[in-house]
């Protein structure tokens, strides 16, 4: 009896002779499985309502079905058709394409939890090839597999609808007797949209947006909410995937903190020099019937670095870094704080202290108060234009300048600081005026419309040209 390696050789030789005799070919397939590593890969995509930007889960399993260890094994994903399906390389772990590769013992199997994403629905479903390859693989036929990623059809539409109400008891849901807020503007926008879509709440506080294109990140906010009610500054992003998950939204508004919290600020001087210390008295009072907690003072929110530089520790329990201020119903608190006048204030001609008081829970709806003082010394020019809206389009056009008219730069609407005369196009320049904030008033049969503020600032802190609209009396 022939045994062992010689028996295998004999059988192989017989099979080869028979194959050559029958087919007359120069090469014939062996009649036994070739030894060595043999990698096999399978992949499945999780079903879902997938949108651009979603992390689509893909489960990839790599198995060495051979009888020898597979080395330098790498995995990859290639988009064969449709939109590009991006699969980050890091979750491949030891199979990452740029790394040294993984090692699989005979029979070893591992599953990799990958994610991929697309940037558009316009090109249909991506067809993706997942591959696993290593050294000396004996059969490459099963080293790749194709999967189709099931995206939503591009024509899929969805709806946003809901209810805006005044949440007096702050429980987050409408209750008997709470106001339905009619006449507010609901705004939505998503990536790729050039402007907000707007819907007006009806008498029941209801709003709706129909036939919206699907997107993973719609933003919803409200403007012109009646009665002083305050909406959250940022509502959660809405996902529209055709499932109708956002058609019964309840949007709660709250009463502003300024309803029950009052604030006054006074300064110890009306005028300061740079580097001087100014002292402010800040008075807070809770006029409501509930305690206020976690209060803090946020100062110089729009002062451009001009206001008194008050160290945060001076605020005590109202420190903005560690808010712990409390006011019982009816309680009044007086805070005294001091700070130096910064150098930048000299370029604007003013300093002071402006603070809003909030508790971090009422959507920045606390009171804001500013007390100002002069910082005299510097002078500058201020150029601007006086114009008449002849065509009613709400903006100054080339032929709408008010020519040959004297304009007074006034302090508090009374004391004249400077005079200038408009040219043929309506432009005028107040020359060498003291820095500060003033009002412009054209002389003659003219009445001003809207903002008349002129800010005279010294270089390099120019705030731009001023503009004053007028109409004939």
Protein backbone atom coordinates (compact mmCIF):
# COMPACT_ATOMS: atom_id res chain seq x y z
CA UNK A 1 0.00 0.00 0.00
CA UNK A 2 1.27 3.46 -0.87
CA UNK A 3 0.84 5.87 1.99
CA UNK A 4 1.66 9.40 3.11
CA UNK A 5 3.17 12.00 0.81
CA UNK A 6 3.77 9.45 -1.97
CA UNK A 7 0.13 8.46 -2.06
CA UNK A 8 -0.90 12.10 -2.44
CA UNK A 9 1.59 12.58 -5.24
CA UNK A 10 0.34 9.46 -7.01
CA UNK A 11 -3.26 10.58 -6.82
CA UNK A 12 -2.34 14.06 -8.03
CA UNK A 13 -0.42 12.57 -10.97
CA UNK A 14 -3.32 10.34 -11.99
CA UNK A 15 -5.77 13.20 -11.84
CA UNK A 16 -3.50 15.42 -13.92
CA UNK A 17 -3.04 12.70 -16.59
CA UNK A 18 -6.80 12.21 -16.84
CA UNK A 19 -7.46 15.93 -17.14
CA UNK A 20 -4.90 16.37 -19.89
CA UNK A 21 -6.28 13.41 -21.78
CA UNK A 22 -9.88 14.65 -21.68
CA UNK A 23 -9.38 18.38 -22.22
CA UNK A 24 -6.15 18.47 -24.14
CA UNK A 25 -5.23 21.52 -22.11
CA UNK A 26 -1.83 22.64 -20.95
CA UNK A 27 -3.10 23.32 -17.41
CA UNK A 28 -5.64 21.57 -15.21
CA UNK A 29 -7.23 22.44 -11.83
CA UNK A 30 -5.95 20.38 -8.89
CA UNK A 31 -8.34 17.86 -7.47
CA UNK A 32 -7.61 18.87 -3.86
CA UNK A 33 -7.86 22.14 -1.84
CA UNK A 34 -4.68 24.16 -1.91
CA UNK A 35 -3.10 24.71 1.49
CA UNK A 36 -2.43 28.16 2.93
CA UNK A 37 -4.34 31.17 4.30
CA UNK A 38 -7.72 31.87 2.75
CA UNK A 39 -9.52 35.06 3.78
CA UNK A 40 -13.26 35.49 3.39
CA UNK A 41 -15.19 38.74 3.98
CA UNK A 42 -18.89 39.40 4.48
CA UNK A 43 -20.62 42.75 5.11
CA UNK A 44 -24.11 43.88 6.08
CA UNK A 45 -25.51 47.42 6.23
CA UNK A 46 -28.00 48.29 8.95
CA UNK A 47 -31.39 49.23 7.55
CA UNK A 48 -32.62 52.73 8.35
CA UNK A 49 -33.83 56.07 7.03
CA UNK A 50 -30.34 57.23 6.14
CA UNK A 51 -29.57 60.81 5.18
CA UNK A 52 -26.46 62.72 4.12
CA UNK A 53 -24.13 63.09 7.08
CA UNK A 54 -25.55 60.10 8.97
CA UNK A 55 -23.09 57.56 10.33
CA UNK A 56 -24.46 54.43 8.62
CA UNK A 57 -23.47 51.27 10.55
CA UNK A 58 -21.77 48.53 8.52
CA UNK A 59 -20.82 45.21 10.12
CA UNK A 60 -17.87 43.54 8.40
CA UNK A 61 -16.70 40.02 9.27
CA UNK A 62 -13.31 38.69 8.16
CA UNK A 63 -12.57 34.96 8.51
CA UNK A 64 -9.49 32.93 7.69
CA UNK A 65 -10.98 29.73 6.28
CA UNK A 66 -7.55 28.36 5.33
CA UNK A 67 -5.20 26.06 7.19
CA UNK A 68 -2.34 28.53 7.63
CA UNK A 69 -1.98 31.88 9.38
CA UNK A 70 -2.90 34.95 7.31
CA UNK A 71 -0.49 37.86 7.75
CA UNK A 72 -0.37 41.52 6.75
CA UNK A 73 -4.16 41.55 6.41
CA UNK A 74 -5.70 44.91 5.40
CA UNK A 75 -9.29 46.01 4.93
CA UNK A 76 -10.72 48.71 2.68
CA UNK A 77 -13.94 50.06 1.20
CA UNK A 78 -14.38 51.26 -2.38
CA UNK A 79 -17.46 52.99 -3.81
CA UNK A 80 -18.33 51.27 -7.08
CA UNK A 81 -21.35 53.38 -8.05
CA UNK A 82 -23.63 56.07 -6.68
CA UNK A 83 -22.47 58.81 -4.28
CA UNK A 84 -19.12 58.39 -2.56
CA UNK A 85 -19.50 56.41 0.66
CA UNK A 86 -16.82 57.60 3.06
CA UNK A 87 -15.65 55.01 5.60
CA UNK A 88 -13.07 56.26 8.15
CA UNK A 89 -10.01 54.05 8.38
CA UNK A 90 -9.53 54.04 12.17
CA UNK A 91 -12.40 51.61 13.01
CA UNK A 92 -10.66 48.98 10.88
CA UNK A 93 -8.23 48.69 13.79
CA UNK A 94 -5.35 46.35 12.93
CA UNK A 95 -6.67 46.12 9.36
CA UNK A 96 -6.21 49.87 8.75
CA UNK A 97 -4.86 50.25 5.24
CA UNK A 98 -1.85 52.40 6.19
CA UNK A 99 -0.82 50.14 9.09
CA UNK A 100 1.30 46.97 9.20
CA UNK A 101 -1.78 44.77 8.88
CA UNK A 102 -3.44 42.15 11.03
CA UNK A 103 -2.81 38.47 11.63
CA UNK A 104 -5.51 35.76 11.50
CA UNK A 105 -4.91 32.24 12.76
CA UNK A 106 -6.53 29.37 10.83
CA UNK A 107 -10.27 29.44 11.46
CA UNK A 108 -10.13 32.80 13.25
CA UNK A 109 -12.99 35.23 12.60
CA UNK A 110 -13.39 38.87 13.65
CA UNK A 111 -16.19 41.36 13.21
CA UNK A 112 -15.52 45.07 12.65
CA UNK A 113 -18.18 47.67 13.37
CA UNK A 114 -17.66 50.38 10.79
CA UNK A 115 -19.59 53.50 9.83
CA UNK A 116 -19.87 55.33 6.55
CA UNK A 117 -21.56 58.46 5.26
CA UNK A 118 -22.58 60.21 2.07
CA UNK A 119 -22.93 63.87 1.18
CA UNK A 120 -25.96 63.77 -1.12
CA UNK A 121 -29.15 61.92 -2.04
CA UNK A 122 -28.94 63.05 -5.65
CA UNK A 123 -27.08 60.02 -7.03
CA UNK A 124 -29.15 57.16 -5.64
CA UNK A 125 -27.84 54.39 -3.39
CA UNK A 126 -24.09 53.80 -3.17
CA UNK A 127 -22.81 50.34 -4.06
CA UNK A 128 -19.73 49.67 -1.97
CA UNK A 129 -17.09 46.96 -2.23
CA UNK A 130 -15.51 45.85 1.07
CA UNK A 131 -12.26 43.94 0.76
CA UNK A 132 -9.84 42.04 3.00
CA UNK A 133 -6.50 40.89 1.63
CA UNK A 134 -3.31 39.39 3.03
CA UNK A 135 -0.10 37.71 1.96
CA UNK A 136 -0.14 34.35 0.15
CA UNK A 137 -3.94 34.07 0.07
CA UNK A 138 -4.82 30.91 -1.86
CA UNK A 139 -8.25 32.05 -3.10
CA UNK A 140 -9.06 35.69 -3.85
CA UNK A 141 -12.62 34.95 -5.03
CA UNK A 142 -14.08 35.56 -1.57
CA UNK A 143 -11.83 38.48 -0.56
CA UNK A 144 -14.45 41.09 -1.47
CA UNK A 145 -18.17 41.60 -1.17
CA UNK A 146 -20.60 44.18 -2.55
CA UNK A 147 -23.27 45.88 -0.46
CA UNK A 148 -25.87 48.49 -1.34
CA UNK A 149 -26.41 51.29 1.19
CA UNK A 150 -30.18 52.03 1.36
CA UNK A 151 -30.53 55.83 1.41
CA UNK A 152 -33.83 57.66 1.41
CA UNK A 153 -35.12 58.54 -2.06
CA UNK A 154 -34.23 62.13 -2.87
CA UNK A 155 -37.88 63.10 -3.41
CA UNK A 156 -38.82 62.15 0.18
CA UNK A 157 -40.60 65.01 1.99
CA UNK A 158 -41.63 65.57 5.58
CA UNK A 159 -43.46 68.04 7.82
CA UNK A 160 -42.79 70.21 10.87
CA UNK A 161 -45.79 71.25 12.94
CA UNK A 162 -46.47 72.14 16.52
CA UNK A 163 -47.86 74.39 19.21
CA UNK A 164 -46.35 77.51 20.83
CA UNK A 165 -47.63 78.27 24.32
CA UNK A 166 -46.87 80.32 27.41
CA UNK A 167 -45.65 77.91 30.08
CA UNK A 168 -46.54 79.76 33.27
CA UNK A 169 -46.01 76.77 35.56
CA UNK A 170 -42.77 75.83 33.75
CA UNK A 171 -43.58 72.14 33.53
CA UNK A 172 -42.74 72.00 29.81
CA UNK A 173 -46.24 71.07 28.68
CA UNK A 174 -49.44 73.04 28.03
CA UNK A 175 -51.84 73.19 30.96
CA UNK A 176 -55.34 74.55 31.43
CA UNK A 177 -55.36 78.33 31.42
CA UNK A 178 -51.94 78.76 29.80
CA UNK A 179 -51.79 81.07 26.78
CA UNK A 180 -51.75 79.93 23.17
CA UNK A 181 -49.40 82.42 21.51
CA UNK A 182 -50.89 83.67 18.25
CA UNK A 183 -49.11 85.85 15.71
CA UNK A 184 -45.54 84.69 16.42
CA UNK A 185 -43.15 83.94 13.57
CA UNK A 186 -41.87 80.36 13.40
CA UNK A 187 -38.66 80.07 11.36
CA UNK A 188 -37.03 76.91 9.99
CA UNK A 189 -33.88 76.42 7.93
CA UNK A 190 -31.64 73.50 7.01
CA UNK A 191 -28.28 73.05 5.34
CA UNK A 192 -28.49 73.99 1.68
CA UNK A 193 -31.42 76.40 2.13
CA UNK A 194 -30.67 80.04 1.25
CA UNK A 195 -33.17 81.59 3.67
CA UNK A 196 -35.59 80.84 6.49
CA UNK A 197 -39.07 79.55 5.84
CA UNK A 198 -41.60 81.41 7.99
CA UNK A 199 -45.02 80.40 9.33
CA UNK A 200 -47.27 82.50 11.58
CA UNK A 201 -48.87 80.86 14.59
CA UNK A 202 -52.67 80.84 14.43
CA UNK A 203 -55.19 81.68 17.16
CA UNK A 204 -54.47 78.34 18.84
CA UNK A 205 -50.71 78.89 18.72
CA UNK A 206 -50.33 76.30 15.97
CA UNK A 207 -47.72 76.43 13.19
CA UNK A 208 -46.88 74.10 10.30
CA UNK A 209 -44.41 73.67 7.45
CA UNK A 210 -45.42 71.18 4.76
CA UNK A 211 -43.54 69.35 1.99
CA UNK A 212 -40.10 70.03 3.44
CA UNK A 213 -37.09 68.27 1.89
CA UNK A 214 -35.53 65.76 4.22
CA UNK A 215 -32.47 66.76 6.22
CA UNK A 216 -30.73 65.63 9.39
CA UNK A 217 -30.46 69.14 10.87
CA UNK A 218 -33.38 71.54 10.67
CA UNK A 219 -33.18 74.56 12.97
CA UNK A 220 -36.37 75.98 14.47
CA UNK A 221 -36.65 79.33 16.24
CA UNK A 222 -39.30 81.97 16.92
CA UNK A 223 -39.43 85.72 16.47
CA UNK A 224 -41.96 88.41 17.35
CA UNK A 225 -43.41 86.30 20.15
CA UNK A 226 -46.32 88.29 21.66
CA UNK A 227 -46.70 89.37 25.26
CA UNK A 228 -42.99 89.41 26.08
CA UNK A 229 -42.79 85.62 26.34
CA UNK A 230 -39.28 84.24 25.87
CA UNK A 231 -38.33 81.19 23.82
CA UNK A 232 -35.17 79.14 24.34
CA UNK A 233 -32.19 80.68 22.52
CA UNK A 234 -31.53 77.37 20.78
CA UNK A 235 -34.05 74.59 20.30
CA UNK A 236 -32.88 71.02 19.57
CA UNK A 237 -32.04 70.28 15.94
CA UNK A 238 -34.87 68.51 14.12
CA UNK A 239 -34.31 65.46 11.94
CA UNK A 240 -36.67 65.14 8.98
CA UNK A 241 -36.44 61.70 7.40
CA UNK A 242 -39.99 61.16 6.17
CA UNK A 243 -41.09 59.47 9.38
CA UNK A 244 -43.30 62.36 10.58
CA UNK A 245 -41.54 62.48 13.93
CA UNK A 246 -41.82 66.29 14.23
CA UNK A 247 -45.49 66.94 13.55
CA UNK A 248 -46.67 67.40 17.14
CA UNK A 249 -44.05 69.64 18.74
CA UNK A 250 -44.84 71.44 21.99
CA UNK A 251 -42.71 74.58 22.29
CA UNK A 252 -42.80 76.16 25.74
CA UNK A 253 -42.02 79.82 26.38
CA UNK A 254 -41.43 81.40 29.77
CA UNK A 255 -41.86 84.80 31.36
CA UNK A 256 -38.68 86.87 31.28
CA UNK A 257 -36.67 87.30 34.44
CA UNK A 258 -37.00 91.08 33.94
CA UNK A 259 -40.68 90.75 34.88
CA UNK A 260 -39.70 90.38 38.53
CA UNK A 261 -36.07 91.51 38.75
CA UNK A 262 -35.16 95.20 38.57
CA UNK A 263 -31.69 96.71 38.24
CA UNK A 264 -30.25 100.23 38.55
CA UNK A 265 -26.64 101.39 38.16
CA UNK A 266 -25.14 104.73 39.21
CA UNK A 267 -21.54 105.97 38.96
CA UNK A 268 -19.61 108.10 41.45
CA UNK A 269 -18.51 110.56 38.71
CA UNK A 270 -19.79 111.91 35.41
CA UNK A 271 -16.33 112.11 33.86
CA UNK A 272 -13.12 110.09 34.23
CA UNK A 273 -9.58 110.05 32.90
CA UNK A 274 -7.89 106.90 31.63
CA UNK A 275 -6.48 104.91 34.55
CA UNK A 276 -8.79 106.44 37.16
CA UNK A 277 -10.87 104.17 39.35
CA UNK A 278 -14.62 104.45 38.98
CA UNK A 279 -17.10 103.09 41.51
CA UNK A 280 -20.54 101.83 40.52
CA UNK A 281 -23.53 101.15 42.75
CA UNK A 282 -25.68 98.32 41.43
CA UNK A 283 -29.09 97.86 43.03
CA UNK A 284 -31.11 94.67 42.46
CA UNK A 285 -34.62 93.91 43.68
CA UNK A 286 -36.91 90.90 43.43
CA UNK A 287 -40.42 92.27 42.96
CA UNK A 288 -41.98 88.85 42.51
CA UNK A 289 -43.45 86.33 44.94
CA UNK A 290 -40.91 83.55 44.31
CA UNK A 291 -37.22 83.35 45.36
CA UNK A 292 -34.61 83.94 42.67
CA UNK A 293 -31.45 81.83 42.74
CA UNK A 294 -28.17 81.30 40.89
CA UNK A 295 -28.06 84.95 39.84
CA UNK A 296 -24.94 86.49 38.33
CA UNK A 297 -23.83 89.79 36.80
CA UNK A 298 -22.61 89.75 33.21
CA UNK A 299 -20.95 93.09 32.48
CA UNK A 300 -19.49 94.83 29.42
CA UNK A 301 -21.26 92.48 26.97
CA UNK A 302 -21.17 95.14 24.23
CA UNK A 303 -18.72 97.69 25.57
CA UNK A 304 -15.83 96.90 23.19
CA UNK A 305 -13.44 97.06 26.14
CA UNK A 306 -14.42 100.62 27.09
CA UNK A 307 -16.18 99.94 30.38
CA UNK A 308 -14.81 99.86 33.93
CA UNK A 309 -12.60 96.82 34.42
CA UNK A 310 -14.25 95.28 37.48
CA UNK A 311 -12.56 92.13 38.86
CA UNK A 312 -15.11 89.33 38.95
CA UNK A 313 -14.43 88.59 42.62
CA UNK A 314 -15.98 91.94 43.61
CA UNK A 315 -19.43 90.63 42.70
CA UNK A 316 -19.44 88.22 45.64
CA UNK A 317 -22.29 85.74 45.30
CA UNK A 318 -23.16 87.36 41.95
CA UNK A 319 -19.74 86.45 40.51
CA UNK A 320 -20.30 85.44 36.85
CA UNK A 321 -17.70 82.66 37.23
CA UNK A 322 -19.44 81.14 40.25
CA UNK A 323 -23.10 82.24 40.12
CA UNK A 324 -24.81 81.89 43.50
CA UNK A 325 -26.73 85.14 43.94
CA UNK A 326 -30.07 84.88 45.74
CA UNK A 327 -32.98 87.25 46.23
CA UNK A 328 -35.97 86.40 48.39
CA UNK A 329 -39.40 87.77 47.37
CA UNK A 330 -39.29 91.54 47.86
CA UNK A 331 -35.59 91.54 48.79
CA UNK A 332 -33.33 94.41 47.70
CA UNK A 333 -29.54 94.10 47.41
CA UNK A 334 -27.01 96.90 46.87
CA UNK A 335 -23.61 96.00 45.39
CA UNK A 336 -20.64 98.36 45.15
CA UNK A 337 -17.94 97.52 42.62
CA UNK A 338 -14.92 99.43 41.34
CA UNK A 339 -12.67 99.24 38.32
CA UNK A 340 -10.15 101.23 36.36
CA UNK A 341 -10.99 103.14 33.18
CA UNK A 342 -9.25 101.29 30.31
CA UNK A 343 -7.09 103.10 27.77
CA UNK A 344 -9.43 102.16 24.93
CA UNK A 345 -12.19 104.28 26.47
CA UNK A 346 -10.26 107.43 25.49
CA UNK A 347 -10.71 106.61 21.79
CA UNK A 348 -14.49 106.45 22.20
CA UNK A 349 -14.85 109.30 24.67
CA UNK A 350 -16.91 107.30 27.11
CA UNK A 351 -16.79 104.62 29.76
CA UNK A 352 -19.18 103.28 32.39
CA UNK A 353 -20.68 99.99 33.37
CA UNK A 354 -23.36 97.93 31.63
CA UNK A 355 -24.58 94.68 33.18
CA UNK A 356 -27.28 92.14 32.57
CA UNK A 357 -28.41 90.00 35.47
CA UNK A 358 -29.39 86.43 34.72
CA UNK A 359 -29.71 83.02 36.32
CA UNK A 360 -28.70 80.74 33.44
CA UNK A 361 -32.20 79.24 33.37
CA UNK A 362 -34.34 81.96 31.83
CA UNK A 363 -32.72 82.28 28.40
CA UNK A 364 -30.78 85.51 29.10
CA UNK A 365 -34.02 87.35 29.82
CA UNK A 366 -32.86 89.31 32.85
CA UNK A 367 -32.65 93.11 32.97
CA UNK A 368 -29.80 95.06 31.39
CA UNK A 369 -28.77 98.53 32.58
CA UNK A 370 -25.97 100.87 31.57
CA UNK A 371 -24.58 103.93 33.33
CA UNK A 372 -22.16 106.03 31.31
CA UNK A 373 -19.55 108.72 31.88
CA UNK A 374 -17.31 110.83 29.65
CA UNK A 375 -13.61 110.31 28.99
CA UNK A 376 -12.64 113.64 27.41
CA UNK A 377 -9.47 114.46 25.48
CA UNK A 378 -9.26 113.07 21.97
CA UNK A 379 -10.83 114.55 18.82
CA UNK A 380 -11.65 113.04 15.42
CA UNK A 381 -13.62 113.50 12.20
CA UNK A 382 -16.94 111.79 11.56
CA UNK A 383 -18.24 111.46 8.00
CA UNK A 384 -21.81 110.54 7.10
CA UNK A 385 -24.78 111.24 4.90
CA UNK A 386 -28.23 112.81 5.16
CA UNK A 387 -30.75 111.33 2.74
CA UNK A 388 -34.41 111.29 1.69
CA UNK A 389 -36.09 108.02 0.70
CA UNK A 390 -37.66 109.29 -2.54
CA UNK A 391 -38.55 105.86 -3.94
CA UNK A 392 -39.60 104.30 -0.64
CA UNK A 393 -37.25 101.33 -0.85
CA UNK A 394 -35.88 101.87 2.65
CA UNK A 395 -32.27 102.45 1.64
CA UNK A 396 -30.24 105.43 0.41
CA UNK A 397 -29.75 105.54 -3.35
CA UNK A 398 -27.29 107.60 -5.36
CA UNK A 399 -29.72 110.44 -6.09
CA UNK A 400 -31.28 110.65 -2.60
CA UNK A 401 -28.70 112.76 -0.74
CA UNK A 402 -29.96 115.97 0.91
CA UNK A 403 -27.69 118.65 -0.57
CA UNK A 404 -26.51 121.98 0.82
CA UNK A 405 -28.00 121.51 4.28
CA UNK A 406 -26.43 122.37 7.64
CA UNK A 407 -26.32 119.51 10.14
CA UNK A 408 -25.80 120.00 13.86
CA UNK A 409 -23.98 117.47 16.02
CA UNK A 410 -25.72 117.71 19.38
CA UNK A 411 -25.25 116.35 22.86
CA UNK A 412 -28.43 114.93 24.42
CA UNK A 413 -30.43 116.57 21.64
CA UNK A 414 -29.56 120.09 22.89
CA UNK A 415 -25.99 121.39 23.19
CA UNK A 416 -24.39 121.79 19.73
CA UNK A 417 -20.92 120.27 19.57
CA UNK A 418 -20.16 120.81 15.88
CA UNK A 419 -21.72 121.95 12.59
CA UNK A 420 -21.22 120.61 9.08
CA UNK A 421 -22.75 121.25 5.65
CA UNK A 422 -23.74 118.53 3.19
CA UNK A 423 -22.31 118.46 -0.33
CA UNK A 424 -24.26 117.85 -3.54
CA UNK A 425 -24.59 114.13 -2.70
CA UNK A 426 -25.71 114.69 0.89
CA UNK A 427 -22.38 113.88 2.56
CA UNK A 428 -21.02 115.90 5.46
CA UNK A 429 -18.06 115.66 7.84
CA UNK A 430 -17.93 116.89 11.41
CA UNK A 431 -14.30 117.99 11.67
CA UNK A 432 -12.17 117.73 14.79
CA UNK A 433 -15.15 116.91 17.02
CA UNK A 434 -14.67 115.59 20.57
CA UNK A 435 -14.92 111.80 20.65
CA UNK A 436 -18.18 110.50 22.06
CA UNK A 437 -21.73 109.55 21.14
CA UNK A 438 -24.03 112.28 19.79
CA UNK A 439 -27.14 112.93 17.69
CA UNK A 440 -27.24 114.50 14.22
CA UNK A 441 -29.97 117.06 13.51
CA UNK A 442 -30.36 118.67 10.05
CA UNK A 443 -31.44 122.31 10.28
CA UNK A 444 -34.42 123.55 8.33
CA UNK A 445 -37.81 122.07 7.47
CA UNK A 446 -36.72 118.48 8.15
CA UNK A 447 -37.70 115.81 10.60
CA UNK A 448 -35.49 112.80 11.25
CA UNK A 449 -36.61 109.19 10.80
CA UNK A 450 -35.14 106.38 12.87
CA UNK A 451 -31.62 106.35 14.28
CA UNK A 452 -29.74 109.68 14.50
CA UNK A 453 -26.76 108.50 16.55
CA UNK A 454 -23.30 109.64 15.46
CA UNK A 455 -20.34 107.95 17.16
CA UNK A 456 -17.17 110.02 16.90
CA UNK A 457 -14.23 107.69 17.49
CA UNK A 458 -10.51 108.28 17.18
CA UNK A 459 -8.40 106.11 14.86
CA UNK A 460 -7.87 103.22 14.67
CA UNK A 461 -11.29 102.46 16.20
CA UNK A 462 -13.55 103.83 13.49
CA UNK A 463 -17.13 102.54 13.64
CA UNK A 464 -17.91 103.54 10.04
CA UNK A 465 -19.91 106.37 8.49
CA UNK A 466 -23.10 107.65 10.06
CA UNK A 467 -26.39 107.86 8.16
CA UNK A 468 -29.49 109.95 8.92
CA UNK A 469 -32.77 109.71 7.05
CA UNK A 470 -35.04 112.76 6.93
CA UNK A 471 -38.42 113.78 5.58
CA UNK A 472 -39.92 117.18 5.00
CA UNK A 473 -42.13 118.43 7.81
